PDB file of N, CA and C in Angstrom:
ATOM      1  N   MET A   1     339.960 269.883  30.268  1.00  0.00           N
ATOM      2  CA  MET A   1     341.157 270.055  31.552  1.00  0.00           C
ATOM      3  C   MET A   1     341.450 268.900  30.998  1.00  0.00           C
ATOM      4  N   THR A   2     342.803 269.065  31.262  1.00  0.00           N
ATOM      5  CA  THR A   2     343.905 267.860  31.370  1.00  0.00           C
ATOM      6  C   THR A   2     344.679 267.682  32.388  1.00  0.00           C
ATOM      7  N   LEU A   3     344.901 266.936  32.831  1.00  0.00           N
ATOM      8  CA  LEU A   3     345.840 266.251  34.062  1.00  0.00           C
ATOM      9  C   LEU A   3     346.792 265.584  33.897  1.00  0.00           C
ATOM     10  N   ASP A   4     348.293 265.526  33.530  1.00  0.00           N
ATOM     11  CA  ASP A   4     348.911 264.558  33.160  1.00  0.00           C
ATOM     12  C   ASP A   4     349.780 263.663  34.974  1.00  0.00           C
ATOM     13  N   ALA A   5     349.083 262.725  35.238  1.00  0.00           N
ATOM     14  CA  ALA A   5     349.487 262.928  36.457  1.00  0.00           C
ATOM     15  C   ALA A   5     350.277 261.194  36.548  1.00  0.00           C
ATOM     16  N   ARG A   6     351.203 260.906  35.235  1.00  0.00           N
ATOM     17  CA  ARG A   6     351.638 258.997  35.605  1.00  0.00           C
ATOM     18  C   ARG A   6     352.820 259.492  35.833  1.00  0.00           C
ATOM     19  N   GLY A   7     353.199 260.857  36.378  1.00  0.00           N
ATOM     20  CA  GLY A   7     354.431 260.310  37.085  1.00  0.00           C
ATOM     21  C   GLY A   7     354.196 260.520  38.567  1.00  0.00           C
ATOM     22  N   LEU A   8     353.211 261.305  38.884  1.00  0.00           N
ATOM     23  CA  LEU A   8     352.986 260.977  40.362  1.00  0.00           C
ATOM     24  C   LEU A   8     352.730 259.894  41.261  1.00  0.00           C
ATOM     25  N   GLY A   9     352.941 259.903  42.419  1.00  0.00           N
ATOM     26  CA  GLY A   9     352.557 258.706  43.529  1.00  0.00           C
ATOM     27  C   GLY A   9     351.326 258.781  44.000  1.00  0.00           C
ATOM     28  N   SER A  10     350.559 257.911  44.733  1.00  0.00           N
ATOM     29  CA  SER A  10     349.315 258.213  45.202  1.00  0.00           C
ATOM     30  C   SER A  10     349.056 259.204  45.921  1.00  0.00           C
ATOM     31  N   ARG A  11     350.011 259.607  47.033  1.00  0.00           N
ATOM     32  CA  ARG A  11     349.657 260.657  47.639  1.00  0.00           C
ATOM     33  C   ARG A  11     349.932 261.875  46.811  1.00  0.00           C
ATOM     34  N   GLU A  12     350.471 262.491  46.225  1.00  0.00           N
ATOM     35  CA  GLU A  12     350.201 263.244  45.126  1.00  0.00           C
ATOM     36  C   GLU A  12     349.070 263.635  44.228  1.00  0.00           C
ATOM     37  N   LEU A  13     349.096 262.479  44.102  1.00  0.00           N
ATOM     38  CA  LEU A  13     347.522 262.333  43.104  1.00  0.00           C
ATOM     39  C   LEU A  13     346.196 263.026  43.708  1.00  0.00           C
ATOM     40  N   PHE A  14     346.591 262.392  44.666  1.00  0.00           N
ATOM     41  CA  PHE A  14     345.087 262.906  45.495  1.00  0.00           C
ATOM     42  C   PHE A  14     345.270 264.192  46.023  1.00  0.00           C
ATOM     43  N   VAL A  15     346.656 264.714  46.221  1.00  0.00           N
ATOM     44  CA  VAL A  15     346.465 266.060  46.426  1.00  0.00           C
ATOM     45  C   VAL A  15     346.648 267.003  45.461  1.00  0.00           C
ATOM     46  N   LYS A  16     347.166 266.725  44.260  1.00  0.00           N
ATOM     47  CA  LYS A  16     346.267 267.565  42.838  1.00  0.00           C
ATOM     48  C   LYS A  16     344.925 267.472  42.177  1.00  0.00           C
ATOM     49  N   LEU A  17     344.242 266.011  42.863  1.00  0.00           N
ATOM     50  CA  LEU A  17     343.113 266.039  42.209  1.00  0.00           C
ATOM     51  C   LEU A  17     342.145 267.033  43.262  1.00  0.00           C
ATOM     52  N   LYS A  18     342.592 267.281  44.895  1.00  0.00           N
ATOM     53  CA  LYS A  18     341.864 267.986  45.532  1.00  0.00           C
ATOM     54  C   LYS A  18     341.930 269.427  45.293  1.00  0.00           C
ATOM     55  N   GLU A  19     343.260 269.930  44.668  1.00  0.00           N
ATOM     56  CA  GLU A  19     343.147 271.143  44.597  1.00  0.00           C
ATOM     57  C   GLU A  19     342.771 271.561  43.122  1.00  0.00           C
ATOM     58  N   LEU A  20     342.679 270.565  42.156  1.00  0.00           N
ATOM     59  CA  LEU A  20     341.511 270.968  41.002  1.00  0.00           C
ATOM     60  C   LEU A  20     340.099 271.062  41.261  1.00  0.00           C
ATOM     61  N   LEU A  21     339.727 270.125  41.886  1.00  0.00           N
ATOM     62  CA  LEU A  21     338.759 270.010  42.147  1.00  0.00           C
ATOM     63  C   LEU A  21     338.213 271.206  43.257  1.00  0.00           C
ATOM     64  N   SER A  22     338.853 271.607  44.193  1.00  0.00           N
ATOM     65  CA  SER A  22     338.546 272.379  44.981  1.00  0.00           C
ATOM     66  C   SER A  22     338.372 273.791  44.254  1.00  0.00           C
ATOM     67  N   SER A  23     339.475 273.942  42.939  1.00  0.00           N
ATOM     68  CA  SER A  23     339.489 275.466  42.065  1.00  0.00           C
ATOM     69  C   SER A  23     338.044 275.425  41.513  1.00  0.00           C
ATOM     70  N   GLN A  24     337.392 274.142  41.652  1.00  0.00           N
ATOM     71  CA  GLN A  24     336.082 274.119  40.592  1.00  0.00           C
ATOM     72  C   GLN A  24     334.946 274.022  41.224  1.00  0.00           C
ATOM     73  N   CYS A  25     334.456 274.539  42.137  1.00  0.00           N
ATOM     74  CA  CYS A  25     333.800 274.331  43.505  1.00  0.00           C
ATOM     75  C   CYS A  25     332.242 274.836  42.588  1.00  0.00           C
ATOM     76  N   GLY A  26     331.189 273.747  42.792  1.00  0.00           N
ATOM     77  CA  GLY A  26     329.957 274.119  42.369  1.00  0.00           C
ATOM     78  C   GLY A  26     329.984 274.635  41.017  1.00  0.00           C
ATOM     79  N   ARG A  27     331.000 274.119  40.046  1.00  0.00           N
ATOM     80  CA  ARG A  27     331.135 274.280  38.590  1.00  0.00           C
ATOM     81  C   ARG A  27     330.624 272.818  37.702  1.00  0.00           C
ATOM     82  N   ASP A  28     330.047 272.981  36.523  1.00  0.00           N
ATOM     83  CA  ASP A  28     330.037 271.249  36.178  1.00  0.00           C
ATOM     84  C   ASP A  28     331.436 271.336  35.312  1.00  0.00           C
ATOM     85  N   VAL A  29     332.305 269.896  35.381  1.00  0.00           N
ATOM     86  CA  VAL A  29     333.536 269.624  34.658  1.00  0.00           C
ATOM     87  C   VAL A  29     333.688 268.600  33.918  1.00  0.00           C
ATOM     88  N   PHE A  30     334.548 268.952  33.548  1.00  0.00           N
ATOM     89  CA  PHE A  30     334.807 267.334  31.998  1.00  0.00           C
ATOM     90  C   PHE A  30     336.391 267.641  32.555  1.00  0.00           C
ATOM     91  N   ILE A  31     337.097 266.995  33.194  1.00  0.00           N
ATOM     92  CA  ILE A  31     338.114 267.031  33.550  1.00  0.00           C
ATOM     93  C   ILE A  31     338.950 265.322  33.092  1.00  0.00           C
ATOM     94  N   GLU A  32     339.890 265.329  32.320  1.00  0.00           N
ATOM     95  CA  GLU A  32     340.368 263.606  31.656  1.00  0.00           C
ATOM     96  C   GLU A  32     341.829 264.003  32.992  1.00  0.00           C
ATOM     97  N   VAL A  33     341.973 262.680  33.485  1.00  0.00           N
ATOM     98  CA  VAL A  33     343.410 262.493  34.502  1.00  0.00           C
ATOM     99  C   VAL A  33     344.197 261.484  33.698  1.00  0.00           C
ATOM    100  N   MET A  34     345.046 261.306  33.498  1.00  0.00           N
ATOM    101  CA  MET A  34     346.307 260.645  33.058  1.00  0.00           C
ATOM    102  C   MET A  34     347.169 259.985  34.280  1.00  0.00           C
ATOM    103  N   VAL A  35     347.321 258.462  34.396  1.00  0.00           N
ATOM    104  CA  VAL A  35     347.599 257.710  35.107  1.00  0.00           C
ATOM    105  C   VAL A  35     348.330 256.648  35.339  1.00  0.00           C
ATOM    106  N   ALA A  36     349.153 256.377  35.865  1.00  0.00           N
ATOM    107  CA  ALA A  36     350.187 255.304  35.152  1.00  0.00           C
ATOM    108  C   ALA A  36     349.673 253.592  35.213  1.00  0.00           C
ATOM    109  N   SER A  37     348.778 253.766  36.353  1.00  0.00           N
ATOM    110  CA  SER A  37     348.235 252.100  36.845  1.00  0.00           C
ATOM    111  C   SER A  37     346.699 252.344  36.461  1.00  0.00           C
ATOM    112  N   TYR A  38     346.036 251.150  36.800  1.00  0.00           N
ATOM    113  CA  TYR A  38     344.719 250.735  36.975  1.00  0.00           C
ATOM    114  C   TYR A  38     344.883 250.831  38.300  1.00  0.00           C
ATOM    115  N   GLN A  39     345.295 250.665  39.202  1.00  0.00           N
ATOM    116  CA  GLN A  39     345.592 250.509  40.653  1.00  0.00           C
ATOM    117  C   GLN A  39     345.214 252.402  40.853  1.00  0.00           C
ATOM    118  N   ASP A  40     345.935 253.418  40.661  1.00  0.00           N
ATOM    119  CA  ASP A  40     345.488 254.741  40.115  1.00  0.00           C
ATOM    120  C   ASP A  40     344.287 255.110  39.878  1.00  0.00           C
ATOM    121  N   ALA A  41     344.193 254.787  39.042  1.00  0.00           N
ATOM    122  CA  ALA A  41     342.528 255.275  38.203  1.00  0.00           C
ATOM    123  C   ALA A  41     341.451 254.454  39.121  1.00  0.00           C
ATOM    124  N   ARG A  42     341.278 253.693  39.743  1.00  0.00           N
ATOM    125  CA  ARG A  42     341.112 253.060  40.723  1.00  0.00           C
ATOM    126  C   ARG A  42     340.818 254.078  42.093  1.00  0.00           C
ATOM    127  N   GLN A  43     341.484 254.416  42.523  1.00  0.00           N
ATOM    128  CA  GLN A  43     341.740 254.594  43.751  1.00  0.00           C
ATOM    129  C   GLN A  43     341.220 256.531  43.091  1.00  0.00           C
ATOM    130  N   GLY A  44     341.478 257.327  42.169  1.00  0.00           N
ATOM    131  CA  GLY A  44     341.276 258.498  41.721  1.00  0.00           C
ATOM    132  C   GLY A  44     339.800 258.557  41.683  1.00  0.00           C
ATOM    133  N   ARG A  45     339.091 257.371  41.005  1.00  0.00           N
ATOM    134  CA  ARG A  45     338.052 257.304  40.847  1.00  0.00           C
ATOM    135  C   ARG A  45     337.275 257.137  42.464  1.00  0.00           C
ATOM    136  N   ALA A  46     337.322 256.617  43.598  1.00  0.00           N
ATOM    137  CA  ALA A  46     336.844 256.373  44.973  1.00  0.00           C
ATOM    138  C   ALA A  46     337.066 258.194  44.882  1.00  0.00           C
ATOM    139  N   PHE A  47     337.838 258.644  44.958  1.00  0.00           N
ATOM    140  CA  PHE A  47     338.269 259.801  45.957  1.00  0.00           C
ATOM    141  C   PHE A  47     337.193 260.861  44.915  1.00  0.00           C
ATOM    142  N   VAL A  48     337.002 261.050  44.093  1.00  0.00           N
ATOM    143  CA  VAL A  48     336.565 262.345  43.124  1.00  0.00           C
ATOM    144  C   VAL A  48     335.018 261.495  43.100  1.00  0.00           C
ATOM    145  N   SER A  49     334.647 260.667  43.686  1.00  0.00           N
ATOM    146  CA  SER A  49     333.154 260.350  43.714  1.00  0.00           C
ATOM    147  C   SER A  49     332.866 260.731  45.334  1.00  0.00           C
ATOM    148  N   MET A  50     333.564 261.196  46.255  1.00  0.00           N
ATOM    149  CA  MET A  50     332.909 261.706  46.999  1.00  0.00           C
ATOM    150  C   MET A  50     333.147 263.683  47.157  1.00  0.00           C
ATOM    151  N   SER A  51     333.720 264.167  46.048  1.00  0.00           N
ATOM    152  CA  SER A  51     333.076 265.375  45.436  1.00  0.00           C
ATOM    153  C   SER A  51     331.552 265.351  44.344  1.00  0.00           C
ATOM    154  N   GLY A  52     331.214 264.605  44.788  1.00  0.00           N
ATOM    155  CA  GLY A  52     329.844 264.651  43.913  1.00  0.00           C
ATOM    156  C   GLY A  52     330.143 264.341  42.220  1.00  0.00           C
ATOM    157  N   CYS A  53     331.412 263.839  41.886  1.00  0.00           N
ATOM    158  CA  CYS A  53     331.337 263.837  40.597  1.00  0.00           C
ATOM    159  C   CYS A  53     331.382 262.201  40.126  1.00  0.00           C
ATOM    160  N   ARG A  54     331.230 261.792  38.771  1.00  0.00           N
ATOM    161  CA  ARG A  54     331.353 260.797  38.084  1.00  0.00           C
ATOM    162  C   ARG A  54     332.363 260.502  37.599  1.00  0.00           C
ATOM    163  N   ALA A  55     333.303 259.158  37.993  1.00  0.00           N
ATOM    164  CA  ALA A  55     334.279 258.963  37.166  1.00  0.00           C
ATOM    165  C   ALA A  55     334.347 257.642  36.596  1.00  0.00           C
ATOM    166  N   ASP A  56     335.077 257.723  35.365  1.00  0.00           N
ATOM    167  CA  ASP A  56     334.697 256.123  34.597  1.00  0.00           C
ATOM    168  C   ASP A  56     336.499 256.196  34.126  1.00  0.00           C
ATOM    169  N   ILE A  57     336.536 254.805  34.020  1.00  0.00           N
ATOM    170  CA  ILE A  57     338.019 254.958  33.798  1.00  0.00           C
ATOM    171  C   ILE A  57     338.605 254.296  32.031  1.00  0.00           C
ATOM    172  N   GLN A  58     339.139 254.576  31.660  1.00  0.00           N
ATOM    173  CA  GLN A  58     339.724 254.406  30.055  1.00  0.00           C
ATOM    174  C   GLN A  58     340.951 253.768  30.044  1.00  0.00           C
ATOM    175  N   GLU A  59     340.772 252.484  29.248  1.00  0.00           N
ATOM    176  CA  GLU A  59     342.717 252.107  29.157  1.00  0.00           C
ATOM    177  C   GLU A  59     342.887 252.790  27.739  1.00  0.00           C
ATOM    178  N   LYS A  60     344.282 253.447  27.631  1.00  0.00           N
ATOM    179  CA  LYS A  60     344.684 253.604  26.608  1.00  0.00           C
ATOM    180  C   LYS A  60     346.093 252.669  26.787  1.00  0.00           C
ATOM    181  N   GLU A  61     346.822 253.303  25.436  1.00  0.00           N
ATOM    182  CA  GLU A  61     348.401 252.378  25.462  1.00  0.00           C
ATOM    183  C   GLU A  61     349.559 252.434  26.276  1.00  0.00           C
ATOM    184  N   GLY A  62     349.230 251.825  27.500  1.00  0.00           N
ATOM    185  CA  GLY A  62     350.496 252.259  28.237  1.00  0.00           C
ATOM    186  C   GLY A  62     349.978 252.861  29.715  1.00  0.00           C
ATOM    187  N   TYR A  63     348.888 253.448  29.805  1.00  0.00           N
ATOM    188  CA  TYR A  63     348.514 253.527  31.179  1.00  0.00           C
ATOM    189  C   TYR A  63     346.915 253.784  31.061  1.00  0.00           C
ATOM    190  N   TYR A  64     346.215 255.020  31.772  1.00  0.00           N
ATOM    191  CA  TYR A  64     344.889 254.994  32.077  1.00  0.00           C
ATOM    192  C   TYR A  64     344.730 256.283  32.024  1.00  0.00           C
ATOM    193  N   VAL A  65     343.350 256.407  31.755  1.00  0.00           N
ATOM    194  CA  VAL A  65     342.485 258.004  31.878  1.00  0.00           C
ATOM    195  C   VAL A  65     341.307 258.097  32.680  1.00  0.00           C
ATOM    196  N   LEU A  66     341.731 259.164  33.540  1.00  0.00           N
ATOM    197  CA  LEU A  66     340.195 258.741  34.697  1.00  0.00           C
ATOM    198  C   LEU A  66     339.083 260.155  34.223  1.00  0.00           C
ATOM    199  N   LEU A  67     337.938 259.894  33.475  1.00  0.00           N
ATOM    200  CA  LEU A  67     337.392 260.894  33.061  1.00  0.00           C
ATOM    201  C   LEU A  67     336.486 260.998  33.985  1.00  0.00           C
ATOM    202  N   ILE A  68     336.631 262.687  34.518  1.00  0.00           N
ATOM    203  CA  ILE A  68     335.482 263.055  35.938  1.00  0.00           C
ATOM    204  C   ILE A  68     335.109 263.836  34.815  1.00  0.00           C
ATOM    205  N   SER A  69     333.521 264.047  35.678  1.00  0.00           N
ATOM    206  CA  SER A  69     332.451 264.925  35.201  1.00  0.00           C
ATOM    207  C   SER A  69     331.799 265.123  36.110  1.00  0.00           C
ATOM    208  N   GLY A  70     330.429 266.336  35.797  1.00  0.00           N
ATOM    209  CA  GLY A  70     329.538 266.249  36.773  1.00  0.00           C
ATOM    210  C   GLY A  70     329.588 267.816  37.342  1.00  0.00           C
ATOM    211  N   ASN A  71     328.853 268.120  38.349  1.00  0.00           N
ATOM    212  CA  ASN A  71     328.971 269.199  39.074  1.00  0.00           C
ATOM    213  C   ASN A  71     329.698 269.247  40.599  1.00  0.00           C
ATOM    214  N   VAL A  72     330.543 269.524  41.024  1.00  0.00           N
ATOM    215  CA  VAL A  72     331.823 269.429  42.152  1.00  0.00           C
ATOM    216  C   VAL A  72     331.047 269.841  43.284  1.00  0.00           C
ATOM    217  N   CYS A  73     330.970 269.368  44.051  1.00  0.00           N
ATOM    218  CA  CYS A  73     330.827 269.919  45.699  1.00  0.00           C
ATOM    219  C   CYS A  73     331.875 270.010  46.173  1.00  0.00           C
ATOM    220  N   CYS A  74     331.744 271.162  46.757  1.00  0.00           N
ATOM    221  CA  CYS A  74     333.136 271.817  47.637  1.00  0.00           C
ATOM    222  C   CYS A  74     333.484 271.083  48.907  1.00  0.00           C
ATOM    223  N   ILE A  75     334.574 270.603  48.681  1.00  0.00           N
ATOM    224  CA  ILE A  75     335.512 269.503  49.449  1.00  0.00           C
ATOM    225  C   ILE A  75     336.834 270.106  50.103  1.00  0.00           C
TER     226      ILE A  75
END
């Protein structure tokens, strides 16, 4: 699953991540979230870690990808 969040602000990113993770409650996931900045990726990683998932950051040409994996705890 892929989410392009490059045009979203921080608040909107958190809302989308919460909705996405809530819909996957109790499931193993692999989600790629594209964000505009490294700061967005770091904030997203911190948010995702509260759900029990692992999140890694990869730099691409002009944007970052937050790679979310693991079993989602219900948040």
